[in-house]
Amino acid sequence: MGSSIAWHLSGDPDFDGAVTVIERDPAYTRASSALSASSIRQQFSTPLNIHLSRYGIGFLRQAKEVLDVDLGLREPGYLFLASPAGEAVLRANNAIQRGEGCAVELLDPAALAGRFPTISGQGVALASHGIANEGWFDGPALMQAFRRKARQRGVEYIDDEVVGLAPRRATLRSGRTIEARTIAPNSSTRSAAACSPWVSVSAV
């Protein structure tokens, strides 16, 4: 997430600042980007998550052109199974998803067996299948592409860990502190990162 934010922010024409990523695990051995299943779905219970995922799938499809990386994106869909106790929730979620234009279908046990004969339907009252815009991709490759492209845009990476946060100060494990200060638009002052066009930080 940090490298994604850094890449997006550093490429925003309305952002007039500099960006730094504080990375406690520079080899990404424990990072969720390296350990997750790296999948994407539209089947959420809130419109906001659905819209975020819709942006995400569109971005992943353009990764080769935008980030110069092949993510091996596959879109076979997601399949959720509900017991009788969860059937009402699955139906309620489906109504929200369809209201947001998601390509999803509900399958009763007979339809589930016909579509996915290798899946046991024992205890299943209802299934929800996403028939488009859902699947998986190479998450570590995406993360490294964000990191590489962010650095090309001038983003600085510091191998350290934030151990304390205050409204205008971050303390790192190394003992270094980073302070934020508001600066005027179009000021020539530049240093490390922040998340506002008019905020810069300086190392103390």
N, C-alpha and C. Protein backbone atom coordinates (compact mmCIF):
# COMPACT_ATOMS: atom_id res chain seq x y z
N MET A 1 0.83 -1.20 0.00
CA MET A 1 0.00 0.00 0.00
C MET A 1 0.87 1.26 0.00
N GLY A 2 1.97 1.23 0.76
CA GLY A 2 2.82 2.41 0.84
C GLY A 2 3.38 2.80 -0.52
N SER A 3 3.87 1.81 -1.28
CA SER A 3 4.44 2.11 -2.59
C SER A 3 3.36 2.54 -3.58
N SER A 4 2.17 1.99 -3.45
CA SER A 4 1.06 2.40 -4.31
C SER A 4 0.70 3.86 -4.05
N ILE A 5 0.57 4.22 -2.78
CA ILE A 5 0.26 5.61 -2.43
C ILE A 5 1.37 6.52 -2.93
N ALA A 6 2.63 6.10 -2.73
CA ALA A 6 3.76 6.93 -3.16
C ALA A 6 3.73 7.15 -4.67
N TRP A 7 3.45 6.09 -5.42
CA TRP A 7 3.41 6.21 -6.88
C TRP A 7 2.26 7.12 -7.33
N HIS A 8 1.07 6.89 -6.78
CA HIS A 8 -0.07 7.70 -7.16
C HIS A 8 0.14 9.18 -6.79
N LEU A 9 0.61 9.41 -5.57
CA LEU A 9 0.76 10.78 -5.09
C LEU A 9 1.84 11.52 -5.86
N SER A 10 2.96 10.85 -6.11
CA SER A 10 4.07 11.52 -6.81
C SER A 10 3.72 11.83 -8.26
N GLY A 11 2.71 11.16 -8.80
CA GLY A 11 2.29 11.44 -10.17
C GLY A 11 1.09 12.36 -10.27
N ASP A 12 0.60 12.84 -9.14
CA ASP A 12 -0.57 13.71 -9.12
C ASP A 12 -0.14 15.14 -9.47
N PRO A 13 -0.63 15.71 -10.56
CA PRO A 13 -0.20 17.06 -10.94
C PRO A 13 -0.60 18.13 -9.93
N ASP A 14 -1.56 17.85 -9.07
CA ASP A 14 -1.97 18.82 -8.06
C ASP A 14 -1.16 18.69 -6.77
N PHE A 15 -0.26 17.69 -6.71
CA PHE A 15 0.57 17.53 -5.52
C PHE A 15 1.88 18.26 -5.72
N ASP A 16 2.16 19.22 -4.84
CA ASP A 16 3.35 20.04 -4.97
C ASP A 16 4.26 19.76 -3.78
N GLY A 17 4.74 18.53 -3.69
CA GLY A 17 5.59 18.17 -2.57
C GLY A 17 6.48 17.01 -2.93
N ALA A 18 7.07 16.40 -1.93
CA ALA A 18 7.93 15.24 -2.14
C ALA A 18 7.42 14.11 -1.25
N VAL A 19 7.81 12.89 -1.57
CA VAL A 19 7.26 11.72 -0.89
C VAL A 19 8.39 10.82 -0.40
N THR A 20 8.25 10.33 0.82
CA THR A 20 9.19 9.36 1.38
C THR A 20 8.41 8.19 1.95
N VAL A 21 8.88 6.99 1.73
CA VAL A 21 8.29 5.78 2.30
C VAL A 21 9.24 5.26 3.37
N ILE A 22 8.73 5.09 4.59
CA ILE A 22 9.50 4.48 5.68
C ILE A 22 9.17 2.99 5.66
N GLU A 23 10.15 2.16 5.36
CA GLU A 23 9.91 0.73 5.17
C GLU A 23 10.66 -0.09 6.21
N ARG A 24 9.91 -0.76 7.09
CA ARG A 24 10.55 -1.55 8.14
C ARG A 24 10.97 -2.93 7.66
N ASP A 25 10.46 -3.36 6.51
CA ASP A 25 10.76 -4.70 6.00
C ASP A 25 11.17 -4.56 4.52
N PRO A 26 12.36 -4.02 4.24
CA PRO A 26 12.73 -3.73 2.85
C PRO A 26 12.83 -4.97 1.96
N ALA A 27 13.00 -6.16 2.54
CA ALA A 27 13.00 -7.38 1.75
C ALA A 27 11.59 -7.92 1.54
N TYR A 28 10.61 -7.33 2.22
CA TYR A 28 9.19 -7.70 2.12
C TYR A 28 8.96 -9.19 2.45
N THR A 29 9.69 -9.68 3.43
CA THR A 29 9.52 -11.08 3.81
C THR A 29 8.28 -11.30 4.66
N ARG A 30 7.82 -10.24 5.34
CA ARG A 30 6.64 -10.36 6.19
C ARG A 30 5.50 -9.45 5.72
N ALA A 31 5.68 -8.84 4.57
CA ALA A 31 4.67 -7.90 4.08
C ALA A 31 3.45 -8.64 3.54
N SER A 32 2.28 -8.09 3.76
CA SER A 32 1.05 -8.75 3.30
C SER A 32 1.02 -8.85 1.78
N SER A 33 1.69 -7.92 1.09
CA SER A 33 1.73 -8.01 -0.38
C SER A 33 2.42 -9.28 -0.84
N ALA A 34 3.40 -9.75 -0.06
CA ALA A 34 4.12 -10.96 -0.44
C ALA A 34 3.44 -12.22 0.08
N LEU A 35 2.65 -12.09 1.15
CA LEU A 35 2.07 -13.27 1.80
C LEU A 35 0.61 -13.51 1.45
N SER A 36 -0.04 -12.54 0.84
CA SER A 36 -1.47 -12.69 0.56
C SER A 36 -1.70 -13.52 -0.69
N ALA A 37 -2.96 -13.86 -0.92
CA ALA A 37 -3.34 -14.61 -2.12
C ALA A 37 -3.40 -13.72 -3.36
N SER A 38 -3.27 -12.41 -3.17
CA SER A 38 -3.26 -11.45 -4.28
C SER A 38 -4.47 -11.63 -5.19
N SER A 39 -5.63 -11.51 -4.61
CA SER A 39 -6.86 -11.67 -5.38
C SER A 39 -7.68 -10.40 -5.31
N ILE A 40 -8.66 -10.31 -6.20
CA ILE A 40 -9.52 -9.13 -6.25
C ILE A 40 -10.94 -9.58 -6.54
N ARG A 41 -11.90 -8.94 -5.90
CA ARG A 41 -13.30 -9.30 -6.08
C ARG A 41 -14.18 -8.07 -6.02
N GLN A 42 -15.40 -8.23 -6.52
CA GLN A 42 -16.41 -7.19 -6.45
C GLN A 42 -17.45 -7.50 -5.38
N GLN A 43 -17.44 -8.72 -4.86
CA GLN A 43 -18.48 -9.17 -3.94
C GLN A 43 -18.18 -8.67 -2.51
N PHE A 44 -18.63 -7.46 -2.26
CA PHE A 44 -18.53 -6.85 -0.94
C PHE A 44 -19.93 -6.46 -0.46
N SER A 45 -20.01 -6.06 0.79
CA SER A 45 -21.30 -5.72 1.38
C SER A 45 -21.55 -4.22 1.44
N THR A 46 -20.58 -3.42 0.97
CA THR A 46 -20.76 -1.96 0.97
C THR A 46 -20.43 -1.40 -0.41
N PRO A 47 -21.17 -0.39 -0.86
CA PRO A 47 -20.87 0.22 -2.17
C PRO A 47 -19.46 0.78 -2.26
N LEU A 48 -18.93 1.33 -1.16
CA LEU A 48 -17.60 1.93 -1.20
C LEU A 48 -16.55 0.88 -1.57
N ASN A 49 -16.59 -0.28 -0.92
CA ASN A 49 -15.62 -1.32 -1.24
C ASN A 49 -15.77 -1.81 -2.68
N ILE A 50 -17.00 -1.88 -3.14
CA ILE A 50 -17.23 -2.29 -4.53
C ILE A 50 -16.61 -1.30 -5.50
N HIS A 51 -16.78 -0.01 -5.23
CA HIS A 51 -16.23 1.00 -6.12
C HIS A 51 -14.71 1.00 -6.09
N LEU A 52 -14.13 0.80 -4.90
CA LEU A 52 -12.67 0.72 -4.80
C LEU A 52 -12.14 -0.46 -5.61
N SER A 53 -12.81 -1.59 -5.50
CA SER A 53 -12.38 -2.78 -6.23
C SER A 53 -12.56 -2.60 -7.73
N ARG A 54 -13.60 -1.88 -8.12
CA ARG A 54 -13.82 -1.63 -9.54
C ARG A 54 -12.68 -0.80 -10.12
N TYR A 55 -12.23 0.19 -9.36
CA TYR A 55 -11.05 0.94 -9.79
C TYR A 55 -9.85 0.00 -9.87
N GLY A 56 -9.71 -0.88 -8.87
CA GLY A 56 -8.57 -1.78 -8.81
C GLY A 56 -8.48 -2.71 -10.01
N ILE A 57 -9.59 -3.31 -10.40
CA ILE A 57 -9.54 -4.26 -11.52
C ILE A 57 -9.21 -3.52 -12.82
N GLY A 58 -9.72 -2.31 -12.96
CA GLY A 58 -9.37 -1.53 -14.14
C GLY A 58 -7.89 -1.19 -14.19
N PHE A 59 -7.34 -0.87 -13.03
CA PHE A 59 -5.92 -0.55 -12.95
C PHE A 59 -5.07 -1.77 -13.26
N LEU A 60 -5.44 -2.92 -12.71
CA LEU A 60 -4.67 -4.14 -12.95
C LEU A 60 -4.63 -4.49 -14.43
N ARG A 61 -5.72 -4.26 -15.12
CA ARG A 61 -5.76 -4.56 -16.56
C ARG A 61 -4.83 -3.65 -17.35
N GLN A 62 -4.50 -2.49 -16.80
CA GLN A 62 -3.61 -1.55 -17.50
C GLN A 62 -2.18 -1.58 -16.97
N ALA A 63 -1.88 -2.53 -16.10
CA ALA A 63 -0.57 -2.54 -15.44
C ALA A 63 0.59 -2.60 -16.42
N LYS A 64 0.43 -3.34 -17.51
CA LYS A 64 1.51 -3.45 -18.49
C LYS A 64 1.83 -2.09 -19.09
N GLU A 65 0.81 -1.32 -19.43
CA GLU A 65 1.02 -0.01 -20.04
C GLU A 65 1.45 1.03 -19.01
N VAL A 66 0.90 0.95 -17.79
CA VAL A 66 1.15 1.99 -16.79
C VAL A 66 2.42 1.73 -15.99
N LEU A 67 2.65 0.48 -15.62
CA LEU A 67 3.78 0.14 -14.76
C LEU A 67 4.83 -0.73 -15.43
N ASP A 68 4.59 -1.11 -16.67
CA ASP A 68 5.52 -1.95 -17.41
C ASP A 68 5.77 -3.28 -16.67
N VAL A 69 4.68 -3.94 -16.28
CA VAL A 69 4.80 -5.22 -15.59
C VAL A 69 3.65 -6.13 -16.02
N ASP A 70 3.96 -7.41 -16.19
CA ASP A 70 2.95 -8.41 -16.51
C ASP A 70 2.54 -9.09 -15.21
N LEU A 71 1.30 -8.89 -14.80
CA LEU A 71 0.82 -9.41 -13.53
C LEU A 71 0.17 -10.78 -13.67
N GLY A 72 0.05 -11.29 -14.88
CA GLY A 72 -0.59 -12.58 -15.05
C GLY A 72 -2.02 -12.60 -14.54
N LEU A 73 -2.72 -11.50 -14.73
CA LEU A 73 -4.09 -11.38 -14.21
C LEU A 73 -5.00 -12.45 -14.81
N ARG A 74 -5.72 -13.14 -13.94
CA ARG A 74 -6.72 -14.12 -14.35
C ARG A 74 -8.05 -13.73 -13.70
N GLU A 75 -9.15 -13.89 -14.45
CA GLU A 75 -10.45 -13.44 -13.94
C GLU A 75 -11.50 -14.55 -14.02
N PRO A 76 -11.32 -15.62 -13.25
CA PRO A 76 -12.33 -16.69 -13.26
C PRO A 76 -13.49 -16.46 -12.31
N GLY A 77 -13.39 -15.42 -11.48
CA GLY A 77 -14.47 -15.12 -10.54
C GLY A 77 -14.25 -15.67 -9.15
N TYR A 78 -15.08 -15.24 -8.24
CA TYR A 78 -15.09 -15.70 -6.85
C TYR A 78 -16.35 -16.51 -6.62
N LEU A 79 -16.26 -17.48 -5.75
CA LEU A 79 -17.43 -18.28 -5.39
C LEU A 79 -17.57 -18.30 -3.87
N PHE A 80 -18.70 -17.78 -3.39
CA PHE A 80 -18.99 -17.81 -1.95
C PHE A 80 -20.09 -18.83 -1.69
N LEU A 81 -19.90 -19.63 -0.65
CA LEU A 81 -20.89 -20.63 -0.26
C LEU A 81 -21.47 -20.25 1.10
N ALA A 82 -22.80 -20.40 1.22
CA ALA A 82 -23.47 -20.04 2.47
C ALA A 82 -24.26 -21.24 3.00
N SER A 83 -24.18 -21.42 4.30
CA SER A 83 -25.02 -22.41 4.96
C SER A 83 -26.42 -21.80 5.13
N PRO A 84 -27.38 -22.57 5.60
CA PRO A 84 -28.70 -21.97 5.85
C PRO A 84 -28.64 -20.76 6.75
N ALA A 85 -27.71 -20.77 7.71
CA ALA A 85 -27.61 -19.64 8.63
C ALA A 85 -27.10 -18.38 7.94
N GLY A 86 -26.33 -18.54 6.86
CA GLY A 86 -25.77 -17.39 6.18
C GLY A 86 -26.47 -16.99 4.90
N GLU A 87 -27.54 -17.70 4.57
CA GLU A 87 -28.22 -17.45 3.30
C GLU A 87 -28.78 -16.04 3.20
N ALA A 88 -29.39 -15.56 4.26
CA ALA A 88 -29.99 -14.22 4.22
C ALA A 88 -28.93 -13.15 3.99
N VAL A 89 -27.78 -13.32 4.62
CA VAL A 89 -26.69 -12.35 4.44
C VAL A 89 -26.20 -12.36 3.01
N LEU A 90 -26.05 -13.56 2.44
CA LEU A 90 -25.59 -13.66 1.06
C LEU A 90 -26.58 -13.00 0.10
N ARG A 91 -27.88 -13.19 0.35
CA ARG A 91 -28.88 -12.55 -0.50
C ARG A 91 -28.86 -11.03 -0.34
N ALA A 92 -28.69 -10.56 0.87
CA ALA A 92 -28.65 -9.12 1.11
C ALA A 92 -27.43 -8.50 0.42
N ASN A 93 -26.30 -9.17 0.53
CA ASN A 93 -25.09 -8.68 -0.13
C ASN A 93 -25.26 -8.69 -1.65
N ASN A 94 -25.90 -9.71 -2.16
CA ASN A 94 -26.12 -9.80 -3.60
C ASN A 94 -26.97 -8.65 -4.11
N ALA A 95 -27.97 -8.26 -3.32
CA ALA A 95 -28.82 -7.14 -3.71
C ALA A 95 -28.02 -5.85 -3.81
N ILE A 96 -27.10 -5.65 -2.85
CA ILE A 96 -26.24 -4.47 -2.89
C ILE A 96 -25.32 -4.52 -4.11
N GLN A 97 -24.74 -5.67 -4.35
CA GLN A 97 -23.80 -5.82 -5.46
C GLN A 97 -24.49 -5.60 -6.81
N ARG A 98 -25.67 -6.16 -6.98
CA ARG A 98 -26.40 -5.98 -8.23
C ARG A 98 -26.84 -4.53 -8.39
N GLY A 99 -27.16 -3.90 -7.27
CA GLY A 99 -27.52 -2.49 -7.32
C GLY A 99 -26.37 -1.61 -7.77
N GLU A 100 -25.15 -2.09 -7.55
CA GLU A 100 -23.96 -1.35 -7.98
C GLU A 100 -23.45 -1.82 -9.33
N GLY A 101 -24.20 -2.69 -9.99
CA GLY A 101 -23.84 -3.12 -11.33
C GLY A 101 -22.83 -4.26 -11.40
N CYS A 102 -22.65 -5.00 -10.31
CA CYS A 102 -21.71 -6.11 -10.32
C CYS A 102 -22.29 -7.30 -11.10
N ALA A 103 -21.41 -8.01 -11.77
CA ALA A 103 -21.81 -9.21 -12.52
C ALA A 103 -21.75 -10.41 -11.58
N VAL A 104 -22.82 -10.65 -10.86
CA VAL A 104 -22.87 -11.74 -9.87
C VAL A 104 -24.17 -12.52 -10.07
N GLU A 105 -24.11 -13.78 -9.70
CA GLU A 105 -25.29 -14.63 -9.81
C GLU A 105 -25.41 -15.49 -8.56
N LEU A 106 -26.66 -15.76 -8.15
CA LEU A 106 -26.92 -16.66 -7.04
C LEU A 106 -27.22 -18.05 -7.59
N LEU A 107 -26.65 -19.07 -6.96
CA LEU A 107 -26.83 -20.45 -7.39
C LEU A 107 -27.42 -21.26 -6.24
N ASP A 108 -28.55 -21.92 -6.51
CA ASP A 108 -29.08 -22.84 -5.50
C ASP A 108 -28.25 -24.13 -5.57
N PRO A 109 -28.45 -25.07 -4.66
CA PRO A 109 -27.61 -26.28 -4.65
C PRO A 109 -27.59 -27.04 -5.97
N ALA A 110 -28.73 -27.12 -6.66
CA ALA A 110 -28.76 -27.83 -7.93
C ALA A 110 -27.93 -27.11 -8.99
N ALA A 111 -28.08 -25.78 -9.04
CA ALA A 111 -27.31 -25.00 -10.01
C ALA A 111 -25.82 -25.04 -9.69
N LEU A 112 -25.49 -25.03 -8.40
CA LEU A 112 -24.10 -25.12 -7.97
C LEU A 112 -23.48 -26.43 -8.45
N ALA A 113 -24.21 -27.53 -8.26
CA ALA A 113 -23.70 -28.85 -8.68
C ALA A 113 -23.52 -28.91 -10.19
N GLY A 114 -24.43 -28.28 -10.93
CA GLY A 114 -24.30 -28.27 -12.37
C GLY A 114 -23.13 -27.44 -12.87
N ARG A 115 -22.88 -26.32 -12.20
CA ARG A 115 -21.80 -25.43 -12.63
C ARG A 115 -20.43 -25.90 -12.13
N PHE A 116 -20.40 -26.39 -10.89
CA PHE A 116 -19.14 -26.81 -10.27
C PHE A 116 -19.30 -28.22 -9.70
N PRO A 117 -19.29 -29.23 -10.54
CA PRO A 117 -19.57 -30.60 -10.09
C PRO A 117 -18.55 -31.17 -9.12
N THR A 118 -17.35 -30.60 -9.06
CA THR A 118 -16.33 -31.13 -8.14
C THR A 118 -16.47 -30.58 -6.73
N ILE A 119 -17.35 -29.61 -6.53
CA ILE A 119 -17.53 -29.02 -5.20
C ILE A 119 -18.68 -29.72 -4.48
N SER A 120 -18.45 -30.13 -3.27
CA SER A 120 -19.50 -30.75 -2.47
C SER A 120 -20.51 -29.69 -2.04
N GLY A 121 -21.76 -29.99 -2.25
CA GLY A 121 -22.81 -29.07 -1.84
C GLY A 121 -23.39 -29.38 -0.48
N GLN A 122 -22.76 -30.28 0.24
CA GLN A 122 -23.28 -30.66 1.55
C GLN A 122 -23.28 -29.46 2.49
N GLY A 123 -24.42 -29.18 3.05
CA GLY A 123 -24.56 -28.07 3.97
C GLY A 123 -24.67 -26.71 3.32
N VAL A 124 -24.68 -26.67 1.99
CA VAL A 124 -24.75 -25.40 1.27
C VAL A 124 -26.20 -25.09 0.92
N ALA A 125 -26.66 -23.91 1.31
CA ALA A 125 -28.01 -23.48 0.98
C ALA A 125 -28.02 -22.57 -0.24
N LEU A 126 -26.94 -21.82 -0.44
CA LEU A 126 -26.90 -20.85 -1.53
C LEU A 126 -25.45 -20.51 -1.83
N ALA A 127 -25.18 -20.22 -3.09
CA ALA A 127 -23.84 -19.80 -3.50
C ALA A 127 -23.94 -18.50 -4.28
N SER A 128 -22.89 -17.71 -4.20
CA SER A 128 -22.80 -16.47 -4.97
C SER A 128 -21.55 -16.54 -5.83
N HIS A 129 -21.74 -16.35 -7.12
CA HIS A 129 -20.63 -16.48 -8.07
C HIS A 129 -20.44 -15.17 -8.83
N GLY A 130 -19.23 -14.65 -8.79
CA GLY A 130 -18.90 -13.48 -9.59
C GLY A 130 -18.46 -13.91 -10.97
N ILE A 131 -19.15 -13.49 -11.99
CA ILE A 131 -18.88 -13.98 -13.34
C ILE A 131 -18.00 -13.02 -14.15
N ALA A 132 -17.58 -11.92 -13.54
CA ALA A 132 -16.67 -10.99 -14.22
C ALA A 132 -15.99 -10.11 -13.17
N ASN A 133 -14.83 -9.58 -13.55
CA ASN A 133 -14.12 -8.58 -12.73
C ASN A 133 -13.58 -9.11 -11.41
N GLU A 134 -13.36 -10.41 -11.32
CA GLU A 134 -12.82 -11.01 -10.11
C GLU A 134 -11.78 -12.06 -10.48
N GLY A 135 -10.74 -12.17 -9.66
CA GLY A 135 -9.73 -13.17 -9.94
C GLY A 135 -8.48 -12.97 -9.11
N TRP A 136 -7.32 -13.26 -9.70
CA TRP A 136 -6.07 -13.15 -8.96
C TRP A 136 -4.96 -12.65 -9.89
N PHE A 137 -3.84 -12.25 -9.27
CA PHE A 137 -2.74 -11.65 -10.01
C PHE A 137 -1.46 -11.83 -9.20
N ASP A 138 -0.34 -11.42 -9.77
CA ASP A 138 0.95 -11.53 -9.11
C ASP A 138 1.16 -10.31 -8.22
N GLY A 139 0.80 -10.45 -6.94
CA GLY A 139 0.89 -9.33 -6.01
C GLY A 139 2.31 -8.84 -5.77
N PRO A 140 3.29 -9.72 -5.51
CA PRO A 140 4.66 -9.24 -5.32
C PRO A 140 5.20 -8.49 -6.53
N ALA A 141 4.83 -8.93 -7.74
CA ALA A 141 5.28 -8.21 -8.94
C ALA A 141 4.67 -6.82 -9.00
N LEU A 142 3.41 -6.70 -8.61
CA LEU A 142 2.77 -5.39 -8.58
C LEU A 142 3.45 -4.47 -7.58
N MET A 143 3.74 -4.99 -6.40
CA MET A 143 4.39 -4.18 -5.38
C MET A 143 5.77 -3.70 -5.84
N GLN A 144 6.56 -4.59 -6.43
CA GLN A 144 7.88 -4.19 -6.90
C GLN A 144 7.79 -3.17 -8.04
N ALA A 145 6.76 -3.31 -8.88
CA ALA A 145 6.59 -2.35 -9.96
C ALA A 145 6.24 -0.97 -9.41
N PHE A 146 5.34 -0.92 -8.42
CA PHE A 146 5.02 0.35 -7.78
C PHE A 146 6.28 0.97 -7.18
N ARG A 147 7.06 0.15 -6.51
CA ARG A 147 8.28 0.65 -5.86
C ARG A 147 9.27 1.18 -6.90
N ARG A 148 9.48 0.43 -7.96
CA ARG A 148 10.43 0.84 -8.99
C ARG A 148 10.00 2.14 -9.65
N LYS A 149 8.72 2.22 -10.02
CA LYS A 149 8.22 3.41 -10.70
C LYS A 149 8.16 4.62 -9.76
N ALA A 150 7.88 4.37 -8.47
CA ALA A 150 7.87 5.48 -7.51
C ALA A 150 9.27 6.07 -7.38
N ARG A 151 10.28 5.22 -7.31
CA ARG A 151 11.65 5.71 -7.23
C ARG A 151 12.03 6.51 -8.47
N GLN A 152 11.56 6.07 -9.61
CA GLN A 152 11.84 6.82 -10.84
C GLN A 152 11.22 8.21 -10.79
N ARG A 153 10.18 8.37 -10.00
CA ARG A 153 9.54 9.67 -9.85
C ARG A 153 10.16 10.49 -8.72
N GLY A 154 11.21 9.97 -8.11
CA GLY A 154 11.89 10.72 -7.07
C GLY A 154 11.50 10.38 -5.65
N VAL A 155 10.67 9.37 -5.46
CA VAL A 155 10.28 8.98 -4.10
C VAL A 155 11.48 8.37 -3.38
N GLU A 156 11.69 8.78 -2.15
CA GLU A 156 12.79 8.26 -1.32
C GLU A 156 12.28 7.14 -0.43
N TYR A 157 13.06 6.09 -0.29
CA TYR A 157 12.76 4.98 0.61
C TYR A 157 13.78 4.95 1.73
N ILE A 158 13.30 4.88 2.97
CA ILE A 158 14.17 4.80 4.13
C ILE A 158 13.90 3.47 4.83
N ASP A 159 14.96 2.69 5.03
CA ASP A 159 14.83 1.41 5.72
C ASP A 159 14.83 1.66 7.22
N ASP A 160 13.65 1.74 7.79
CA ASP A 160 13.52 2.03 9.22
C ASP A 160 12.09 1.69 9.61
N GLU A 161 11.72 1.98 10.85
CA GLU A 161 10.37 1.69 11.33
C GLU A 161 9.86 2.84 12.16
N VAL A 162 8.63 3.25 11.92
CA VAL A 162 8.00 4.29 12.72
C VAL A 162 7.55 3.67 14.04
N VAL A 163 8.03 4.23 15.15
CA VAL A 163 7.67 3.70 16.47
C VAL A 163 6.88 4.71 17.28
N GLY A 164 6.73 5.92 16.77
CA GLY A 164 5.94 6.92 17.47
C GLY A 164 5.39 7.94 16.50
N LEU A 165 4.14 8.31 16.71
CA LEU A 165 3.49 9.29 15.84
C LEU A 165 2.84 10.38 16.68
N ALA A 166 3.05 11.60 16.27
CA ALA A 166 2.37 12.77 16.82
C ALA A 166 1.81 13.54 15.64
N PRO A 167 0.95 14.54 15.89
CA PRO A 167 0.36 15.25 14.75
C PRO A 167 1.37 15.78 13.74
N ARG A 168 2.55 16.19 14.18
CA ARG A 168 3.53 16.75 13.24
C ARG A 168 4.91 16.11 13.39
N ARG A 169 4.98 14.94 13.98
CA ARG A 169 6.29 14.33 14.19
C ARG A 169 6.17 12.81 14.15
N ALA A 170 7.13 12.18 13.48
CA ALA A 170 7.24 10.73 13.47
C ALA A 170 8.61 10.37 14.02
N THR A 171 8.63 9.42 14.94
CA THR A 171 9.88 8.95 15.52
C THR A 171 10.19 7.57 14.95
N LEU A 172 11.42 7.40 14.48
CA LEU A 172 11.83 6.14 13.88
C LEU A 172 12.63 5.31 14.88
N ARG A 173 12.69 4.01 14.66
CA ARG A 173 13.39 3.11 15.58
C ARG A 173 14.86 3.48 15.69
N SER A 174 15.42 4.01 14.63
CA SER A 174 16.83 4.39 14.65
C SER A 174 17.11 5.58 15.55
N GLY A 175 16.05 6.25 16.01
CA GLY A 175 16.21 7.45 16.81
C GLY A 175 15.99 8.72 16.01
N ARG A 176 15.97 8.60 14.72
CA ARG A 176 15.71 9.75 13.86
C ARG A 176 14.27 10.19 14.01
N THR A 177 14.06 11.50 13.92
CA THR A 177 12.70 12.03 13.93
C THR A 177 12.46 12.79 12.64
N ILE A 178 11.21 12.76 12.20
CA ILE A 178 10.82 13.48 11.00
C ILE A 178 9.69 14.41 11.40
N GLU A 179 9.86 15.68 11.09
CA GLU A 179 8.86 16.68 11.44
C GLU A 179 8.20 17.22 10.19
N ALA A 180 6.91 17.50 10.32
CA ALA A 180 6.15 18.08 9.21
C ALA A 180 5.90 19.55 9.49
N ARG A 181 5.87 20.32 8.43
CA ARG A 181 5.54 21.73 8.56
C ARG A 181 4.76 22.16 7.33
N THR A 182 3.86 23.08 7.51
CA THR A 182 3.07 23.61 6.39
C THR A 182 3.89 24.65 5.65
N ILE A 183 3.87 24.57 4.34
CA ILE A 183 4.58 25.55 3.53
C ILE A 183 3.61 26.14 2.52
N ALA A 184 3.97 27.26 1.98
CA ALA A 184 3.09 27.94 1.03
C ALA A 184 3.10 27.21 -0.30
N PRO A 185 2.01 27.30 -1.06
CA PRO A 185 1.98 26.69 -2.39
C PRO A 185 3.10 27.25 -3.26
N ASN A 186 3.71 26.37 -4.09
CA ASN A 186 4.76 26.75 -5.03
C ASN A 186 6.04 27.21 -4.33
N SER A 187 6.17 26.91 -3.03
CA SER A 187 7.40 27.23 -2.34
C SER A 187 8.52 26.37 -2.88
N SER A 188 9.74 26.86 -2.83
CA SER A 188 10.88 26.09 -3.31
C SER A 188 11.37 25.10 -2.26
N THR A 189 10.81 25.15 -1.06
CA THR A 189 11.24 24.25 0.00
C THR A 189 10.84 22.82 -0.33
N ARG A 190 11.77 21.91 -0.28
CA ARG A 190 11.50 20.50 -0.52
C ARG A 190 12.34 19.65 0.43
N SER A 191 11.77 18.59 0.91
CA SER A 191 12.56 17.62 1.64
C SER A 191 11.89 16.27 1.52
N ALA A 192 11.56 15.62 2.65
CA ALA A 192 10.97 14.29 2.54
C ALA A 192 9.47 14.38 2.39
N ALA A 193 8.74 13.29 2.72
CA ALA A 193 7.37 13.13 2.24
C ALA A 193 6.30 13.60 3.17
N ALA A 194 5.12 13.79 2.58
CA ALA A 194 3.90 14.01 3.35
C ALA A 194 2.74 13.75 2.43
N CYS A 195 1.54 13.83 2.97
CA CYS A 195 0.37 13.46 2.18
C CYS A 195 -0.52 14.65 1.91
N SER A 196 0.02 15.82 1.77
CA SER A 196 -0.74 17.00 1.42
C SER A 196 0.08 17.84 0.46
N PRO A 197 -0.53 18.51 -0.51
CA PRO A 197 0.24 19.31 -1.45
C PRO A 197 1.03 20.42 -0.78
N TRP A 198 0.61 20.87 0.38
CA TRP A 198 1.25 21.99 1.00
C TRP A 198 2.00 21.60 2.27
N VAL A 199 2.30 20.37 2.42
CA VAL A 199 3.02 19.92 3.60
C VAL A 199 4.33 19.28 3.17
N SER A 200 5.39 19.65 3.83
CA SER A 200 6.68 19.02 3.60
C SER A 200 7.21 18.58 4.96
N VAL A 201 8.25 17.76 4.97
CA VAL A 201 8.85 17.35 6.24
C VAL A 201 10.33 17.52 6.14
N SER A 202 10.96 17.70 7.28
CA SER A 202 12.41 17.80 7.32
C SER A 202 12.94 16.86 8.37
N ALA A 203 14.07 16.26 8.10
CA ALA A 203 14.69 15.34 9.06
C ALA A 203 15.44 16.15 10.11
N VAL A 204 15.31 15.73 11.36
CA VAL A 204 15.97 16.41 12.45
C VAL A 204 17.15 15.57 12.92
